[in-house]
PDB file of N, CA and C in Angstrom:
ATOM      1  N   MET A   1    -133.150  78.902  72.479  1.00  0.00           N
ATOM      2  CA  MET A   1    -132.196  79.592  73.331  1.00  0.00           C
ATOM      3  C   MET A   1    -132.705  79.573  74.776  1.00  0.00           C
ATOM      4  N   LEU A   2    -131.848  79.239  75.701  1.00  0.00           N
ATOM      5  CA  LEU A   2    -132.207  79.072  77.106  1.00  0.00           C
ATOM      6  C   LEU A   2    -132.755  80.348  77.736  1.00  0.00           C
ATOM      7  N   CYS A   3    -132.221  81.501  77.394  1.00  0.00           N
ATOM      8  CA  CYS A   3    -132.583  82.755  78.057  1.00  0.00           C
ATOM      9  C   CYS A   3    -133.569  83.607  77.245  1.00  0.00           C
ATOM     10  N   ALA A   4    -134.145  83.058  76.187  1.00  0.00           N
ATOM     11  CA  ALA A   4    -134.954  83.847  75.259  1.00  0.00           C
ATOM     12  C   ALA A   4    -136.115  84.576  75.927  1.00  0.00           C
ATOM     13  N   ASP A   5    -136.812  83.950  76.866  1.00  0.00           N
ATOM     14  CA  ASP A   5    -137.996  84.565  77.461  1.00  0.00           C
ATOM     15  C   ASP A   5    -137.747  85.159  78.838  1.00  0.00           C
ATOM     16  N   LYS A   6    -136.520  85.321  79.213  1.00  0.00           N
ATOM     17  CA  LYS A   6    -136.197  85.823  80.547  1.00  0.00           C
ATOM     18  C   LYS A   6    -136.271  87.346  80.582  1.00  0.00           C
ATOM     19  N   LEU A   7    -136.805  87.869  81.679  1.00  0.00           N
ATOM     20  CA  LEU A   7    -136.844  89.306  81.902  1.00  0.00           C
ATOM     21  C   LEU A   7    -135.502  89.768  82.451  1.00  0.00           C
ATOM     22  N   PRO A   8    -135.156  91.031  82.286  1.00  0.00           N
ATOM     23  CA  PRO A   8    -133.858  91.503  82.795  1.00  0.00           C
ATOM     24  C   PRO A   8    -133.624  91.202  84.268  1.00  0.00           C
ATOM     25  N   GLU A   9    -134.670  91.266  85.101  1.00  0.00           N
ATOM     26  CA  GLU A   9    -134.470  91.024  86.531  1.00  0.00           C
ATOM     27  C   GLU A   9    -134.151  89.559  86.841  1.00  0.00           C
ATOM     28  N   ALA A  10    -134.281  88.668  85.849  1.00  0.00           N
ATOM     29  CA  ALA A  10    -133.945  87.254  86.048  1.00  0.00           C
ATOM     30  C   ALA A  10    -132.446  87.023  85.951  1.00  0.00           C
ATOM     31  N   TYR A  11    -131.692  88.000  85.501  1.00  0.00           N
ATOM     32  CA  TYR A  11    -130.254  87.844  85.332  1.00  0.00           C
ATOM     33  C   TYR A  11    -129.515  88.315  86.571  1.00  0.00           C
ATOM     34  N   VAL A  12    -128.361  87.720  86.783  1.00  0.00           N
ATOM     35  CA  VAL A  12    -127.530  88.094  87.920  1.00  0.00           C
ATOM     36  C   VAL A  12    -126.738  89.361  87.608  1.00  0.00           C
ATOM     37  N   PHE A  13    -126.196  89.452  86.419  1.00  0.00           N
ATOM     38  CA  PHE A  13    -125.329  90.569  86.058  1.00  0.00           C
ATOM     39  C   PHE A  13    -125.987  91.424  84.985  1.00  0.00           C
ATOM     40  N   LEU A  14    -126.445  92.618  85.377  1.00  0.00           N
ATOM     41  CA  LEU A  14    -127.028  93.554  84.431  1.00  0.00           C
ATOM     42  C   LEU A  14    -126.110  94.749  84.247  1.00  0.00           C
ATOM     43  N   ASN A  15    -126.008  95.207  83.037  1.00  0.00           N
ATOM     44  CA  ASN A  15    -125.230  96.395  82.727  1.00  0.00           C
ATOM     45  C   ASN A  15    -126.041  97.600  83.214  1.00  0.00           C
ATOM     46  N   PRO A  16    -125.524  98.363  84.195  1.00  0.00           N
ATOM     47  CA  PRO A  16    -126.296  99.488  84.721  1.00  0.00           C
ATOM     48  C   PRO A  16    -126.539 100.588  83.686  1.00  0.00           C
ATOM     49  N   ARG A  17    -125.691 100.651  82.694  1.00  0.00           N
ATOM     50  CA  ARG A  17    -125.836 101.678  81.656  1.00  0.00           C
ATOM     51  C   ARG A  17    -126.977 101.349  80.699  1.00  0.00           C
ATOM     52  N   THR A  18    -127.105 100.064  80.319  1.00  0.00           N
ATOM     53  CA  THR A  18    -128.103  99.673  79.325  1.00  0.00           C
ATOM     54  C   THR A  18    -129.305  98.956  79.927  1.00  0.00           C
ATOM     55  N   GLY A  19    -129.152  98.400  81.130  1.00  0.00           N
ATOM     56  CA  GLY A  19    -130.218  97.621  81.737  1.00  0.00           C
ATOM     57  C   GLY A  19    -130.359  96.230  81.146  1.00  0.00           C
ATOM     58  N   ARG A  20    -129.471  95.881  80.246  1.00  0.00           N
ATOM     59  CA  ARG A  20    -129.501  94.566  79.600  1.00  0.00           C
ATOM     60  C   ARG A  20    -128.458  93.648  80.239  1.00  0.00           C
ATOM     61  N   PRO A  21    -128.650  92.349  80.110  1.00  0.00           N
ATOM     62  CA  PRO A  21    -127.674  91.409  80.678  1.00  0.00           C
ATOM     63  C   PRO A  21    -126.315  91.540  79.989  1.00  0.00           C
ATOM     64  N   TYR A  22    -125.271  91.359  80.774  1.00  0.00           N
ATOM     65  CA  TYR A  22    -123.929  91.297  80.212  1.00  0.00           C
ATOM     66  C   TYR A  22    -123.773  89.989  79.446  1.00  0.00           C
ATOM     67  N   THR A  23    -122.952  89.997  78.436  1.00  0.00           N
ATOM     68  CA  THR A  23    -122.550  88.751  77.802  1.00  0.00           C
ATOM     69  C   THR A  23    -121.403  88.172  78.618  1.00  0.00           C
ATOM     70  N   ILE A  24    -121.029  86.947  78.358  1.00  0.00           N
ATOM     71  CA  ILE A  24    -120.045  86.256  79.188  1.00  0.00           C
ATOM     72  C   ILE A  24    -118.666  86.916  79.142  1.00  0.00           C
ATOM     73  N   LYS A  25    -118.282  87.471  78.011  1.00  0.00           N
ATOM     74  CA  LYS A  25    -116.939  88.053  77.902  1.00  0.00           C
ATOM     75  C   LYS A  25    -116.731  89.226  78.862  1.00  0.00           C
ATOM     76  N   PRO A  26    -117.622  90.228  78.908  1.00  0.00           N
ATOM     77  CA  PRO A  26    -117.417  91.317  79.876  1.00  0.00           C
ATOM     78  C   PRO A  26    -117.467  90.842  81.333  1.00  0.00           C
ATOM     79  N   VAL A  27    -118.337  89.876  81.628  1.00  0.00           N
ATOM     80  CA  VAL A  27    -118.415  89.356  82.994  1.00  0.00           C
ATOM     81  C   VAL A  27    -117.088  88.699  83.363  1.00  0.00           C
ATOM     82  N   ASN A  28    -116.550  87.883  82.468  1.00  0.00           N
ATOM     83  CA  ASN A  28    -115.251  87.254  82.726  1.00  0.00           C
ATOM     84  C   ASN A  28    -114.154  88.293  82.893  1.00  0.00           C
ATOM     85  N   ASN A  29    -114.170  89.329  82.067  1.00  0.00           N
ATOM     86  CA  ASN A  29    -113.152  90.377  82.178  1.00  0.00           C
ATOM     87  C   ASN A  29    -113.225  91.079  83.531  1.00  0.00           C
ATOM     88  N   MET A  30    -114.455  91.411  83.976  1.00  0.00           N
ATOM     89  CA  MET A  30    -114.610  92.074  85.273  1.00  0.00           C
ATOM     90  C   MET A  30    -114.174  91.152  86.413  1.00  0.00           C
ATOM     91  N   TRP A  31    -114.554  89.880  86.316  1.00  0.00           N
ATOM     92  CA  TRP A  31    -114.182  88.906  87.346  1.00  0.00           C
ATOM     93  C   TRP A  31    -112.658  88.777  87.426  1.00  0.00           C
ATOM     94  N   ASN A  32    -112.023  88.615  86.275  1.00  0.00           N
ATOM     95  CA  ASN A  32    -110.564  88.451  86.250  1.00  0.00           C
ATOM     96  C   ASN A  32    -109.850  89.677  86.798  1.00  0.00           C
ATOM     97  N   GLU A  33    -110.364  90.863  86.494  1.00  0.00           N
ATOM     98  CA  GLU A  33    -109.760  92.096  87.014  1.00  0.00           C
ATOM     99  C   GLU A  33    -109.923  92.167  88.532  1.00  0.00           C
ATOM    100  N   ALA A  34    -111.091  91.800  89.036  1.00  0.00           N
ATOM    101  CA  ALA A  34    -111.317  91.805  90.485  1.00  0.00           C
ATOM    102  C   ALA A  34    -110.395  90.794  91.177  1.00  0.00           C
ATOM    103  N   CYS A  35    -110.228  89.621  90.589  1.00  0.00           N
ATOM    104  CA  CYS A  35    -109.326  88.612  91.164  1.00  0.00           C
ATOM    105  C   CYS A  35    -107.885  89.101  91.154  1.00  0.00           C
ATOM    106  N   LYS A  36    -107.512  89.778  90.094  1.00  0.00           N
ATOM    107  CA  LYS A  36    -106.158  90.321  90.002  1.00  0.00           C
ATOM    108  C   LYS A  36    -105.922  91.353  91.102  1.00  0.00           C
ATOM    109  N   GLN A  37    -106.887  92.242  91.309  1.00  0.00           N
ATOM    110  CA  GLN A  37    -106.765  93.262  92.350  1.00  0.00           C
ATOM    111  C   GLN A  37    -106.747  92.646  93.744  1.00  0.00           C
ATOM    112  N   ALA A  38    -107.501  91.568  93.929  1.00  0.00           N
ATOM    113  CA  ALA A  38    -107.552  90.901  95.229  1.00  0.00           C
ATOM    114  C   ALA A  38    -106.397  89.917  95.419  1.00  0.00           C
ATOM    115  N   GLU A  39    -105.626  89.736  94.359  1.00  0.00           N
ATOM    116  CA  GLU A  39    -104.477  88.818  94.374  1.00  0.00           C
ATOM    117  C   GLU A  39    -104.902  87.392  94.728  1.00  0.00           C
ATOM    118  N   VAL A  40    -105.983  86.943  94.077  1.00  0.00           N
ATOM    119  CA  VAL A  40    -106.462  85.565  94.223  1.00  0.00           C
ATOM    120  C   VAL A  40    -106.675  84.981  92.830  1.00  0.00           C
ATOM    121  N   GLN A  41    -106.643  83.671  92.762  1.00  0.00           N
ATOM    122  CA  GLN A  41    -106.894  82.994  91.494  1.00  0.00           C
ATOM    123  C   GLN A  41    -108.088  82.066  91.670  1.00  0.00           C
ATOM    124  N   ILE A  42    -109.262  82.566  91.304  1.00  0.00           N
ATOM    125  CA  ILE A  42    -110.496  81.798  91.407  1.00  0.00           C
ATOM    126  C   ILE A  42    -111.250  81.972  90.094  1.00  0.00           C
ATOM    127  N   GLN A  43    -111.633  80.867  89.488  1.00  0.00           N
ATOM    128  CA  GLN A  43    -112.403  80.948  88.254  1.00  0.00           C
ATOM    129  C   GLN A  43    -113.819  81.425  88.562  1.00  0.00           C
ATOM    130  N   LEU A  44    -114.406  82.150  87.625  1.00  0.00           N
ATOM    131  CA  LEU A  44    -115.748  82.688  87.778  1.00  0.00           C
ATOM    132  C   LEU A  44    -116.752  81.597  88.159  1.00  0.00           C
ATOM    133  N   LYS A  45    -116.707  80.484  87.461  1.00  0.00           N
ATOM    134  CA  LYS A  45    -117.644  79.389  87.732  1.00  0.00           C
ATOM    135  C   LYS A  45    -117.527  78.914  89.179  1.00  0.00           C
ATOM    136  N   ASN A  46    -116.311  78.719  89.654  1.00  0.00           N
ATOM    137  CA  ASN A  46    -116.099  78.233  91.013  1.00  0.00           C
ATOM    138  C   ASN A  46    -116.503  79.274  92.058  1.00  0.00           C
ATOM    139  N   GLY A  47    -116.201  80.523  91.793  1.00  0.00           N
ATOM    140  CA  GLY A  47    -116.535  81.585  92.737  1.00  0.00           C
ATOM    141  C   GLY A  47    -118.027  81.782  92.891  1.00  0.00           C
ATOM    142  N   THR A  48    -118.755  81.801  91.778  1.00  0.00           N
ATOM    143  CA  THR A  48    -120.194  81.988  91.860  1.00  0.00           C
ATOM    144  C   THR A  48    -120.880  80.752  92.430  1.00  0.00           C
ATOM    145  N   ARG A  49    -120.362  79.580  92.119  1.00  0.00           N
ATOM    146  CA  ARG A  49    -120.921  78.321  92.651  1.00  0.00           C
ATOM    147  C   ARG A  49    -120.800  78.297  94.175  1.00  0.00           C
ATOM    148  N   HIS A  50    -119.610  78.654  94.670  1.00  0.00           N
ATOM    149  CA  HIS A  50    -119.387  78.682  96.114  1.00  0.00           C
ATOM    150  C   HIS A  50    -120.249  79.770  96.772  1.00  0.00           C
ATOM    151  N   SER A  51    -120.380  80.902  96.116  1.00  0.00           N
ATOM    152  CA  SER A  51    -121.176  81.993  96.670  1.00  0.00           C
ATOM    153  C   SER A  51    -122.639  81.584  96.833  1.00  0.00           C
ATOM    154  N   VAL A  52    -123.202  80.968  95.810  1.00  0.00           N
ATOM    155  CA  VAL A  52    -124.600  80.532  95.884  1.00  0.00           C
ATOM    156  C   VAL A  52    -124.778  79.502  96.993  1.00  0.00           C
ATOM    157  N   ALA A  53    -123.859  78.541  97.087  1.00  0.00           N
ATOM    158  CA  ALA A  53    -123.957  77.508  98.120  1.00  0.00           C
ATOM    159  C   ALA A  53    -123.816  78.120  99.518  1.00  0.00           C
ATOM    160  N   SER A  54    -122.916  79.065  99.676  1.00  0.00           N
ATOM    161  CA  SER A  54    -122.725  79.722 100.973  1.00  0.00           C
ATOM    162  C   SER A  54    -123.958  80.513 101.376  1.00  0.00           C
ATOM    163  N   GLN A  55    -124.544  81.234 100.421  1.00  0.00           N
ATOM    164  CA  GLN A  55    -125.752  82.000 100.713  1.00  0.00           C
ATOM    165  C   GLN A  55    -126.919  81.072 101.063  1.00  0.00           C
ATOM    166  N   ALA A  56    -127.003  79.937 100.384  1.00  0.00           N
ATOM    167  CA  ALA A  56    -128.058  78.969 100.694  1.00  0.00           C
ATOM    168  C   ALA A  56    -127.886  78.429 102.106  1.00  0.00           C
ATOM    169  N   ALA A  57    -126.655  78.094 102.481  1.00  0.00           N
ATOM    170  CA  ALA A  57    -126.392  77.580 103.828  1.00  0.00           C
ATOM    171  C   ALA A  57    -126.731  78.636 104.874  1.00  0.00           C
ATOM    172  N   THR A  58    -126.358  79.877 104.620  1.00  0.00           N
ATOM    173  CA  THR A  58    -126.643  80.966 105.548  1.00  0.00           C
ATOM    174  C   THR A  58    -128.148  81.182 105.692  1.00  0.00           C
ATOM    175  N   ALA A  59    -128.880  80.952 104.618  1.00  0.00           N
ATOM    176  CA  ALA A  59    -130.335  81.126 104.644  1.00  0.00           C
ATOM    177  C   ALA A  59    -131.057  79.946 105.280  1.00  0.00           C
ATOM    178  N   GLY A  60    -130.296  78.903 105.649  1.00  0.00           N
ATOM    179  CA  GLY A  60    -130.901  77.763 106.319  1.00  0.00           C
ATOM    180  C   GLY A  60    -131.383  76.656 105.405  1.00  0.00           C
ATOM    181  N   VAL A  61    -130.954  76.661 104.152  1.00  0.00           N
ATOM    182  CA  VAL A  61    -131.319  75.588 103.226  1.00  0.00           C
ATOM    183  C   VAL A  61    -130.707  74.286 103.747  1.00  0.00           C
ATOM    184  N   PRO A  62    -131.462  73.191 103.747  1.00  0.00           N
ATOM    185  CA  PRO A  62    -130.925  71.923 104.239  1.00  0.00           C
ATOM    186  C   PRO A  62    -129.645  71.514 103.498  1.00  0.00           C
ATOM    187  N   ILE A  63    -128.693  71.018 104.240  1.00  0.00           N
ATOM    188  CA  ILE A  63    -127.385  70.672 103.681  1.00  0.00           C
ATOM    189  C   ILE A  63    -127.499  69.612 102.590  1.00  0.00           C
ATOM    190  N   GLN A  64    -128.490  68.726 102.705  1.00  0.00           N
ATOM    191  CA  GLN A  64    -128.688  67.699 101.677  1.00  0.00           C
ATOM    192  C   GLN A  64    -129.130  68.319 100.354  1.00  0.00           C
ATOM    193  N   ALA A  65    -129.903  69.402 100.418  1.00  0.00           N
ATOM    194  CA  ALA A  65    -130.324  70.093  99.198  1.00  0.00           C
ATOM    195  C   ALA A  65    -129.122  70.759  98.532  1.00  0.00           C
ATOM    196  N   ILE A  66    -128.267  71.358  99.332  1.00  0.00           N
ATOM    197  CA  ILE A  66    -127.054  71.992  98.792  1.00  0.00           C
ATOM    198  C   ILE A  66    -126.169  70.931  98.165  1.00  0.00           C
ATOM    199  N   GLN A  67    -126.020  69.800  98.847  1.00  0.00           N
ATOM    200  CA  GLN A  67    -125.230  68.690  98.319  1.00  0.00           C
ATOM    201  C   GLN A  67    -125.756  68.261  96.949  1.00  0.00           C
ATOM    202  N   GLY A  68    -127.073  68.134  96.826  1.00  0.00           N
ATOM    203  CA  GLY A  68    -127.670  67.706  95.565  1.00  0.00           C
ATOM    204  C   GLY A  68    -127.425  68.680  94.439  1.00  0.00           C
ATOM    205  N   VAL A  69    -127.572  69.956  94.731  1.00  0.00           N
ATOM    206  CA  VAL A  69    -127.359  70.983  93.694  1.00  0.00           C
ATOM    207  C   VAL A  69    -125.898  71.007  93.253  1.00  0.00           C
ATOM    208  N   LEU A  70    -124.987  70.876  94.208  1.00  0.00           N
ATOM    209  CA  LEU A  70    -123.564  70.913  93.866  1.00  0.00           C
ATOM    210  C   LEU A  70    -123.074  69.618  93.232  1.00  0.00           C
ATOM    211  N   GLY A  71    -123.826  68.536  93.446  1.00  0.00           N
ATOM    212  CA  GLY A  71    -123.442  67.255  92.854  1.00  0.00           C
ATOM    213  C   GLY A  71    -122.397  66.498  93.645  1.00  0.00           C
ATOM    214  N   TYR A  72    -122.227  66.835  94.919  1.00  0.00           N
ATOM    215  CA  TYR A  72    -121.266  66.102  95.750  1.00  0.00           C
ATOM    216  C   TYR A  72    -121.838  64.733  96.087  1.00  0.00           C
ATOM    217  N   THR A  73    -121.039  63.690  95.954  1.00  0.00           N
ATOM    218  CA  THR A  73    -121.500  62.351  96.296  1.00  0.00           C
ATOM    219  C   THR A  73    -121.338  62.058  97.780  1.00  0.00           C
ATOM    220  N   ASP A  74    -120.413  62.737  98.425  1.00  0.00           N
ATOM    221  CA  ASP A  74    -120.149  62.505  99.842  1.00  0.00           C
ATOM    222  C   ASP A  74    -120.614  63.725 100.640  1.00  0.00           C
ATOM    223  N   ILE A  75    -121.554  63.514 101.543  1.00  0.00           N
ATOM    224  CA  ILE A  75    -122.112  64.618 102.341  1.00  0.00           C
ATOM    225  C   ILE A  75    -121.036  65.325 103.156  1.00  0.00           C
ATOM    226  N   ARG A  76    -119.957  64.621 103.479  1.00  0.00           N
ATOM    227  CA  ARG A  76    -118.887  65.242 104.285  1.00  0.00           C
ATOM    228  C   ARG A  76    -118.227  66.407 103.553  1.00  0.00           C
ATOM    229  N   THR A  77    -118.141  66.322 102.241  1.00  0.00           N
ATOM    230  CA  THR A  77    -117.574  67.435 101.467  1.00  0.00           C
ATOM    231  C   THR A  77    -118.439  68.675 101.631  1.00  0.00           C
ATOM    232  N   THR A  78    -119.742  68.511 101.535  1.00  0.00           N
ATOM    233  CA  THR A  78    -120.666  69.628 101.699  1.00  0.00           C
ATOM    234  C   THR A  78    -120.606  70.148 103.133  1.00  0.00           C
ATOM    235  N   MET A  79    -120.584  69.241 104.087  1.00  0.00           N
ATOM    236  CA  MET A  79    -120.540  69.627 105.498  1.00  0.00           C
ATOM    237  C   MET A  79    -119.271  70.430 105.802  1.00  0.00           C
ATOM    238  N   ASP A  80    -118.149  69.994 105.265  1.00  0.00           N
ATOM    239  CA  ASP A  80    -116.875  70.685 105.517  1.00  0.00           C
ATOM    240  C   ASP A  80    -116.916  72.124 105.015  1.00  0.00           C
ATOM    241  N   ASN A  81    -117.604  72.343 103.906  1.00  0.00           N
ATOM    242  CA  ASN A  81    -117.590  73.665 103.285  1.00  0.00           C
ATOM    243  C   ASN A  81    -118.758  74.569 103.663  1.00  0.00           C
ATOM    244  N   TYR A  82    -119.924  73.978 103.948  1.00  0.00           N
ATOM    245  CA  TYR A  82    -121.113  74.814 104.057  1.00  0.00           C
ATOM    246  C   TYR A  82    -121.964  74.606 105.299  1.00  0.00           C
ATOM    247  N   ALA A  83    -121.685  73.605 106.084  1.00  0.00           N
ATOM    248  CA  ALA A  83    -122.547  73.332 107.237  1.00  0.00           C
ATOM    249  C   ALA A  83    -122.252  74.304 108.373  1.00  0.00           C
ATOM    250  N   CYS A  84    -123.299  74.742 109.001  1.00  0.00           N
ATOM    251  CA  CYS A  84    -123.187  75.575 110.191  1.00  0.00           C
ATOM    252  C   CYS A  84    -124.271  75.108 111.143  1.00  0.00           C
ATOM    253  N   THR A  85    -123.870  74.645 112.304  1.00  0.00           N
ATOM    254  CA  THR A  85    -124.852  74.090 113.225  1.00  0.00           C
ATOM    255  C   THR A  85    -125.680  75.164 113.899  1.00  0.00           C
ATOM    256  N   ASP A  86    -125.172  76.378 113.989  1.00  0.00           N
ATOM    257  CA  ASP A  86    -125.900  77.448 114.666  1.00  0.00           C
ATOM    258  C   ASP A  86    -126.055  78.623 113.718  1.00  0.00           C
ATOM    259  N   LEU A  87    -127.176  78.644 112.985  1.00  0.00           N
ATOM    260  CA  LEU A  87    -127.413  79.687 111.996  1.00  0.00           C
ATOM    261  C   LEU A  87    -127.482  81.068 112.633  1.00  0.00           C
ATOM    262  N   SER A  88    -128.057  81.172 113.831  1.00  0.00           N
ATOM    263  CA  SER A  88    -128.158  82.484 114.471  1.00  0.00           C
ATOM    264  C   SER A  88    -126.775  83.034 114.815  1.00  0.00           C
ATOM    265  N   ALA A  89    -125.860  82.166 115.230  1.00  0.00           N
ATOM    266  CA  ALA A  89    -124.491  82.616 115.508  1.00  0.00           C
ATOM    267  C   ALA A  89    -123.816  83.082 114.226  1.00  0.00           C
ATOM    268  N   ARG A  90    -124.045  82.370 113.144  1.00  0.00           N
ATOM    269  CA  ARG A  90    -123.452  82.756 111.861  1.00  0.00           C
ATOM    270  C   ARG A  90    -123.962  84.133 111.427  1.00  0.00           C
ATOM    271  N   MET A  91    -125.244  84.384 111.617  1.00  0.00           N
ATOM    272  CA  MET A  91    -125.826  85.672 111.238  1.00  0.00           C
ATOM    273  C   MET A  91    -125.231  86.808 112.074  1.00  0.00           C
ATOM    274  N   VAL A  92    -124.973  86.562 113.350  1.00  0.00           N
ATOM    275  CA  VAL A  92    -124.358  87.577 114.210  1.00  0.00           C
ATOM    276  C   VAL A  92    -122.960  87.910 113.708  1.00  0.00           C
ATOM    277  N   VAL A  93    -122.204  86.883 113.366  1.00  0.00           N
ATOM    278  CA  VAL A  93    -120.833  87.095 112.880  1.00  0.00           C
ATOM    279  C   VAL A  93    -120.847  87.892 111.583  1.00  0.00           C
ATOM    280  N   PHE A  94    -121.715  87.513 110.643  1.00  0.00           N
ATOM    281  CA  PHE A  94    -121.745  88.205 109.357  1.00  0.00           C
ATOM    282  C   PHE A  94    -122.315  89.606 109.451  1.00  0.00           C
ATOM    283  N   ALA A  95    -123.124  89.871 110.458  1.00  0.00           N
ATOM    284  CA  ALA A  95    -123.713  91.197 110.621  1.00  0.00           C
ATOM    285  C   ALA A  95    -122.773  92.166 111.343  1.00  0.00           C
ATOM    286  N   ALA A  96    -121.721  91.631 111.957  1.00  0.00           N
ATOM    287  CA  ALA A  96    -120.788  92.466 112.711  1.00  0.00           C
ATOM    288  C   ALA A  96    -120.063  93.425 111.768  1.00  0.00           C
ATOM    289  N   PRO A  97    -119.836  94.651 112.210  1.00  0.00           N
ATOM    290  CA  PRO A  97    -119.104  95.598 111.359  1.00  0.00           C
ATOM    291  C   PRO A  97    -117.663  95.137 111.156  1.00  0.00           C
ATOM    292  N   VAL A  98    -117.171  95.377 109.964  1.00  0.00           N
ATOM    293  CA  VAL A  98    -115.804  94.995 109.620  1.00  0.00           C
ATOM    294  C   VAL A  98    -114.922  96.220 109.734  1.00  0.00           C
ATOM    295  N   GLN A  99    -113.844  96.087 110.471  1.00  0.00           N
ATOM    296  CA  GLN A  99    -112.917  97.198 110.628  1.00  0.00           C
ATOM    297  C   GLN A  99    -111.761  97.010 109.657  1.00  0.00           C
ATOM    298  N   ARG A 100    -111.540  97.988 108.838  1.00  0.00           N
ATOM    299  CA  ARG A 100    -110.446  97.917 107.866  1.00  0.00           C
ATOM    300  C   ARG A 100    -109.133  98.280 108.548  1.00  0.00           C
ATOM    301  N   ILE A 101    -108.116  97.513 108.237  1.00  0.00           N
ATOM    302  CA  ILE A 101    -106.781  97.757 108.786  1.00  0.00           C
ATOM    303  C   ILE A 101    -105.985  98.505 107.724  1.00  0.00           C
ATOM    304  N   PRO A 102    -105.466  99.671 108.072  1.00  0.00           N
ATOM    305  CA  PRO A 102    -104.731 100.428 107.052  1.00  0.00           C
ATOM    306  C   PRO A 102    -103.450  99.696 106.635  1.00  0.00           C
ATOM    307  N   LYS A 103    -103.078  99.897 105.369  1.00  0.00           N
ATOM    308  CA  LYS A 103    -101.845  99.315 104.872  1.00  0.00           C
ATOM    309  C   LYS A 103    -100.663 100.005 105.523  1.00  0.00           C
ATOM    310  N   PRO A 104     -99.623  99.261 105.854  1.00  0.00           N
ATOM    311  CA  PRO A 104     -98.437  99.903 106.443  1.00  0.00           C
ATOM    312  C   PRO A 104     -97.731 100.776 105.409  1.00  0.00           C
ATOM    313  N   ARG A 105     -97.140 101.821 105.873  1.00  0.00           N
ATOM    314  CA  ARG A 105     -96.389 102.726 104.988  1.00  0.00           C
ATOM    315  C   ARG A 105     -94.905 102.391 105.106  1.00  0.00           C
ATOM    316  N   TRP A 106     -94.450 101.534 104.262  1.00  0.00           N
ATOM    317  CA  TRP A 106     -93.038 101.082 104.331  1.00  0.00           C
ATOM    318  C   TRP A 106     -92.237 101.804 103.331  1.00  0.00           C
TER     319      TRP A 106
END
């Protein structure tokens, strides 16, 4: 079994009640509910894959390394989605406070 010797902190999704890793079914259920509430249709695999690649790019991981992990054959695909020429500018943008816009009362 792939995860047999892994410690709980090695998992991405831990059940806060039990401290044990979630099985795939509850994770999928939570993901699908979140997508429904956000009114988006993104599969769990695609969402987490993009998230990891985005975090790697933000952390300054070389774009060629991201390309290799994602399995893209054309570097332009990776560049279009994850390249940022000015990492410090990206960090400023992401660190900026987000102002929530209230929903209109119609």
